[in-house]
Amino acid sequence: MMDIAGLLMASRRIAIVGLSDKPERDSYRVASYLQSQGYSIVPVNPHIRTVLGEMAYSRLEDIPEPVDIVDIFRAPDQVPAIVDSSVLIGAKAVWMQLGVAHDEAIRKALDAGLEVVSERCIMIEHKRLNIASRIKAQ
């Protein structure tokens, strides 16, 4: 079983694929929360320019700096291409939000050496594990 707490504590930059600029959307709420916890978020959405004060990129391949986690807010049928891009950019992990899973893409990511979290919300897990206080205590 993957150590989610360890992954969250070791990560700093999270690319959020499908991040919306609409505050009522889950992706926006999760990204805003992650920012408030000290993570650097990188929006990936070809339909917006900026969100939460960050420049948005059309594709993972356009991000100029390394990414620790690729957090996916897209339909399951889009996951294989996102996993391919995650491998290409050297991400350490892919995180598939609640309702997002794709068995073949999970196997491909694991085979490429990436950590994989599927069908879980990164914000819920972060709060559940009380990561904020653990990071500050280190």
C-alpha atoms as a PDB file:
ATOM      1  CA  MET A   1       0.000   0.000   0.000  1.00  0.00           C
ATOM      2  CA  MET A   2       1.221   3.415  -0.902  1.00  0.00           C
ATOM      3  CA  ASP A   3       2.216   5.848   1.826  1.00  0.00           C
ATOM      4  CA  ILE A   4      -0.074   8.788   1.064  1.00  0.00           C
ATOM      5  CA  ALA A   5       1.185  10.825   4.026  1.00  0.00           C
ATOM      6  CA  GLY A   6       4.773  10.381   2.861  1.00  0.00           C
ATOM      7  CA  LEU A   7       3.861  11.395  -0.678  1.00  0.00           C
ATOM      8  CA  LEU A   8       2.046  14.514   0.497  1.00  0.00           C
ATOM      9  CA  MET A   9       4.848  15.512   2.860  1.00  0.00           C
ATOM     10  CA  ALA A  10       7.555  14.997   0.222  1.00  0.00           C
ATOM     11  CA  SER A  11       5.709  16.951  -2.486  1.00  0.00           C
ATOM     12  CA  ARG A  12       5.754  20.686  -3.098  1.00  0.00           C
ATOM     13  CA  ARG A  13       4.495  21.279  -6.674  1.00  0.00           C
ATOM     14  CA  ILE A  14       1.160  19.852  -7.787  1.00  0.00           C
ATOM     15  CA  ALA A  15      -0.086  20.161 -11.371  1.00  0.00           C
ATOM     16  CA  ILE A  16      -3.873  20.122 -11.403  1.00  0.00           C
ATOM     17  CA  VAL A  17      -5.210  18.866 -14.720  1.00  0.00           C
ATOM     18  CA  GLY A  18      -8.711  20.158 -15.359  1.00  0.00           C
ATOM     19  CA  LEU A  19      -8.511  22.972 -12.808  1.00  0.00           C
ATOM     20  CA  SER A  20     -11.500  25.269 -13.299  1.00  0.00           C
ATOM     21  CA  ASP A  21     -11.548  29.011 -12.681  1.00  0.00           C
ATOM     22  CA  LYS A  22     -15.087  28.674 -11.267  1.00  0.00           C
ATOM     23  CA  PRO A  23     -15.032  28.848  -7.433  1.00  0.00           C
ATOM     24  CA  GLU A  24     -17.991  26.459  -7.111  1.00  0.00           C
ATOM     25  CA  ARG A  25     -16.098  23.605  -8.793  1.00  0.00           C
ATOM     26  CA  ASP A  26     -14.378  20.893  -6.762  1.00  0.00           C
ATOM     27  CA  SER A  27     -11.109  21.393  -8.641  1.00  0.00           C
ATOM     28  CA  TYR A  28     -11.029  25.064  -7.647  1.00  0.00           C
ATOM     29  CA  ARG A  29     -11.812  24.321  -3.988  1.00  0.00           C
ATOM     30  CA  VAL A  30      -9.141  21.622  -3.829  1.00  0.00           C
ATOM     31  CA  ALA A  31      -6.514  23.815  -5.532  1.00  0.00           C
ATOM     32  CA  SER A  32      -7.328  26.742  -3.244  1.00  0.00           C
ATOM     33  CA  TYR A  33      -6.984  24.475  -0.205  1.00  0.00           C
ATOM     34  CA  LEU A  34      -3.647  23.082  -1.429  1.00  0.00           C
ATOM     35  CA  GLN A  35      -2.352  26.623  -1.962  1.00  0.00           C
ATOM     36  CA  SER A  36      -3.424  27.571   1.561  1.00  0.00           C
ATOM     37  CA  GLN A  37      -1.376  24.621   2.854  1.00  0.00           C
ATOM     38  CA  GLY A  38       1.816  25.848   1.186  1.00  0.00           C
ATOM     39  CA  TYR A  39       1.804  23.775  -1.985  1.00  0.00           C
ATOM     40  CA  SER A  40       2.692  25.340  -5.308  1.00  0.00           C
ATOM     41  CA  ILE A  41      -0.169  24.621  -7.693  1.00  0.00           C
ATOM     42  CA  VAL A  42       0.175  24.550 -11.472  1.00  0.00           C
ATOM     43  CA  PRO A  43      -3.142  24.833 -13.335  1.00  0.00           C
ATOM     44  CA  VAL A  44      -3.432  22.721 -16.494  1.00  0.00           C
ATOM     45  CA  ASN A  45      -6.419  23.771 -18.587  1.00  0.00           C
ATOM     46  CA  PRO A  46      -6.251  25.002 -22.195  1.00  0.00           C
ATOM     47  CA  HIS A  47      -9.405  27.104 -21.739  1.00  0.00           C
ATOM     48  CA  ILE A  48      -8.170  29.499 -19.053  1.00  0.00           C
ATOM     49  CA  ARG A  49      -5.226  31.881 -18.727  1.00  0.00           C
ATOM     50  CA  THR A  50      -4.904  32.177 -14.949  1.00  0.00           C
ATOM     51  CA  VAL A  51      -6.584  30.855 -11.831  1.00  0.00           C
ATOM     52  CA  LEU A  52      -5.841  31.463  -8.147  1.00  0.00           C
ATOM     53  CA  GLY A  53      -3.073  33.855  -9.194  1.00  0.00           C
ATOM     54  CA  GLU A  54      -1.225  31.193 -11.200  1.00  0.00           C
ATOM     55  CA  MET A  55      -0.629  31.022 -14.936  1.00  0.00           C
ATOM     56  CA  ALA A  56      -2.447  28.103 -16.534  1.00  0.00           C
ATOM     57  CA  TYR A  57      -0.776  25.784 -19.030  1.00  0.00           C
ATOM     58  CA  SER A  58      -2.492  24.000 -21.904  1.00  0.00           C
ATOM     59  CA  ARG A  59      -0.616  20.734 -21.376  1.00  0.00           C
ATOM     60  CA  LEU A  60       1.599  19.128 -18.771  1.00  0.00           C
ATOM     61  CA  GLU A  61       4.445  19.242 -21.289  1.00  0.00           C
ATOM     62  CA  ASP A  62       4.290  23.063 -21.266  1.00  0.00           C
ATOM     63  CA  ILE A  63       5.125  23.376 -17.545  1.00  0.00           C
ATOM     64  CA  PRO A  64       8.713  24.698 -17.276  1.00  0.00           C
ATOM     65  CA  GLU A  65       9.518  23.337 -13.789  1.00  0.00           C
ATOM     66  CA  PRO A  66       9.442  19.822 -12.301  1.00  0.00           C
ATOM     67  CA  VAL A  67       6.145  18.508 -10.933  1.00  0.00           C
ATOM     68  CA  ASP A  68       5.790  16.202  -7.939  1.00  0.00           C
ATOM     69  CA  ILE A  69       2.132  15.167  -8.277  1.00  0.00           C
ATOM     70  CA  VAL A  70      -0.233  15.331 -11.244  1.00  0.00           C
ATOM     71  CA  ASP A  71      -3.728  15.651  -9.753  1.00  0.00           C
ATOM     72  CA  ILE A  72      -6.389  14.650 -12.302  1.00  0.00           C
ATOM     73  CA  PHE A  73      -9.841  16.228 -12.485  1.00  0.00           C
ATOM     74  CA  ARG A  74     -10.815  14.814 -15.879  1.00  0.00           C
ATOM     75  CA  ALA A  75     -13.053  12.036 -17.169  1.00  0.00           C
ATOM     76  CA  PRO A  76     -11.631   8.507 -16.847  1.00  0.00           C
ATOM     77  CA  ASP A  77     -11.317   8.129 -20.639  1.00  0.00           C
ATOM     78  CA  GLN A  78      -8.815  11.018 -20.649  1.00  0.00           C
ATOM     79  CA  VAL A  79      -6.604   9.488 -17.952  1.00  0.00           C
ATOM     80  CA  PRO A  80      -4.346   7.340 -20.205  1.00  0.00           C
ATOM     81  CA  ALA A  81      -3.101  10.367 -22.169  1.00  0.00           C
ATOM     82  CA  ILE A  82      -2.577  12.325 -18.931  1.00  0.00           C
ATOM     83  CA  VAL A  83      -0.589   9.427 -17.458  1.00  0.00           C
ATOM     84  CA  ASP A  84       1.541   9.295 -20.632  1.00  0.00           C
ATOM     85  CA  SER A  85       2.265  13.018 -20.237  1.00  0.00           C
ATOM     86  CA  SER A  86       2.988  12.565 -16.520  1.00  0.00           C
ATOM     87  CA  VAL A  87       5.590   9.918 -17.338  1.00  0.00           C
ATOM     88  CA  LEU A  88       7.052  12.130 -20.072  1.00  0.00           C
ATOM     89  CA  ILE A  89       7.554  15.119 -17.750  1.00  0.00           C
ATOM     90  CA  GLY A  90       9.031  12.988 -14.969  1.00  0.00           C
ATOM     91  CA  ALA A  91       6.277  13.493 -12.401  1.00  0.00           C
ATOM     92  CA  LYS A  92       6.706  11.458  -9.224  1.00  0.00           C
ATOM     93  CA  ALA A  93       3.027  10.571  -8.830  1.00  0.00           C
ATOM     94  CA  VAL A  94      -0.400  10.691 -10.415  1.00  0.00           C
ATOM     95  CA  TRP A  95      -3.436  11.288  -8.243  1.00  0.00           C
ATOM     96  CA  MET A  96      -6.860  10.429  -9.647  1.00  0.00           C
ATOM     97  CA  GLN A  97      -9.604  12.256  -7.797  1.00  0.00           C
ATOM     98  CA  LEU A  98     -12.843  10.676  -6.565  1.00  0.00           C
ATOM     99  CA  GLY A  99     -14.706   9.207  -9.518  1.00  0.00           C
ATOM    100  CA  VAL A 100     -11.554   9.060 -11.634  1.00  0.00           C
ATOM    101  CA  ALA A 101      -9.942   5.674 -12.250  1.00  0.00           C
ATOM    102  CA  HIS A 102      -8.530   3.767 -15.191  1.00  0.00           C
ATOM    103  CA  ASP A 103      -6.988   0.343 -14.532  1.00  0.00           C
ATOM    104  CA  GLU A 104      -4.795   0.244 -17.648  1.00  0.00           C
ATOM    105  CA  ALA A 105      -3.454   3.761 -16.980  1.00  0.00           C
ATOM    106  CA  ILE A 106      -2.771   2.836 -13.348  1.00  0.00           C
ATOM    107  CA  ARG A 107      -0.719  -0.183 -14.479  1.00  0.00           C
ATOM    108  CA  LYS A 108       1.164   1.962 -17.001  1.00  0.00           C
ATOM    109  CA  ALA A 109       1.995   4.583 -14.354  1.00  0.00           C
ATOM    110  CA  LEU A 110       3.145   1.948 -11.862  1.00  0.00           C
ATOM    111  CA  ASP A 111       5.247   0.224 -14.540  1.00  0.00           C
ATOM    112  CA  ALA A 112       6.893   3.592 -15.261  1.00  0.00           C
ATOM    113  CA  GLY A 113       7.794   3.974 -11.573  1.00  0.00           C
ATOM    114  CA  LEU A 114       5.206   6.568 -10.590  1.00  0.00           C
ATOM    115  CA  GLU A 115       3.284   6.445  -7.338  1.00  0.00           C
ATOM    116  CA  VAL A 116      -0.466   6.186  -7.959  1.00  0.00           C
ATOM    117  CA  VAL A 117      -3.460   7.220  -5.896  1.00  0.00           C
ATOM    118  CA  SER A 118      -6.879   6.512  -7.370  1.00  0.00           C
ATOM    119  CA  GLU A 119     -10.447   7.323  -6.349  1.00  0.00           C
ATOM    120  CA  ARG A 120      -9.392   9.594  -3.475  1.00  0.00           C
ATOM    121  CA  CYS A 121      -9.562  13.343  -2.933  1.00  0.00           C
ATOM    122  CA  ILE A 122      -6.180  14.889  -2.216  1.00  0.00           C
ATOM    123  CA  MET A 123      -7.787  17.557   0.005  1.00  0.00           C
ATOM    124  CA  ILE A 124      -9.745  15.028   2.064  1.00  0.00           C
ATOM    125  CA  GLU A 125      -6.641  12.856   2.498  1.00  0.00           C
ATOM    126  CA  HIS A 126      -4.502  15.856   3.452  1.00  0.00           C
ATOM    127  CA  LYS A 127      -7.021  16.915   6.110  1.00  0.00           C
ATOM    128  CA  ARG A 128      -7.567  13.343   7.334  1.00  0.00           C
ATOM    129  CA  LEU A 129      -3.858  12.749   7.797  1.00  0.00           C
ATOM    130  CA  ASN A 130      -3.368  16.166   9.414  1.00  0.00           C
ATOM    131  CA  ILE A 131      -0.397  16.795   7.133  1.00  0.00           C
ATOM    132  CA  ALA A 132      -0.228  20.538   7.827  1.00  0.00           C
ATOM    133  CA  SER A 133       0.791  20.156  11.444  1.00  0.00           C
ATOM    134  CA  ARG A 134       3.157  17.285  10.588  1.00  0.00           C
ATOM    135  CA  ILE A 135       4.975  19.387   7.997  1.00  0.00           C
ATOM    136  CA  LYS A 136       5.342  22.308  10.442  1.00  0.00           C
ATOM    137  CA  ALA A 137       6.672  19.962  13.137  1.00  0.00           C
ATOM    138  CA  GLN A 138       9.576  18.773  10.977  1.00  0.00           C
END
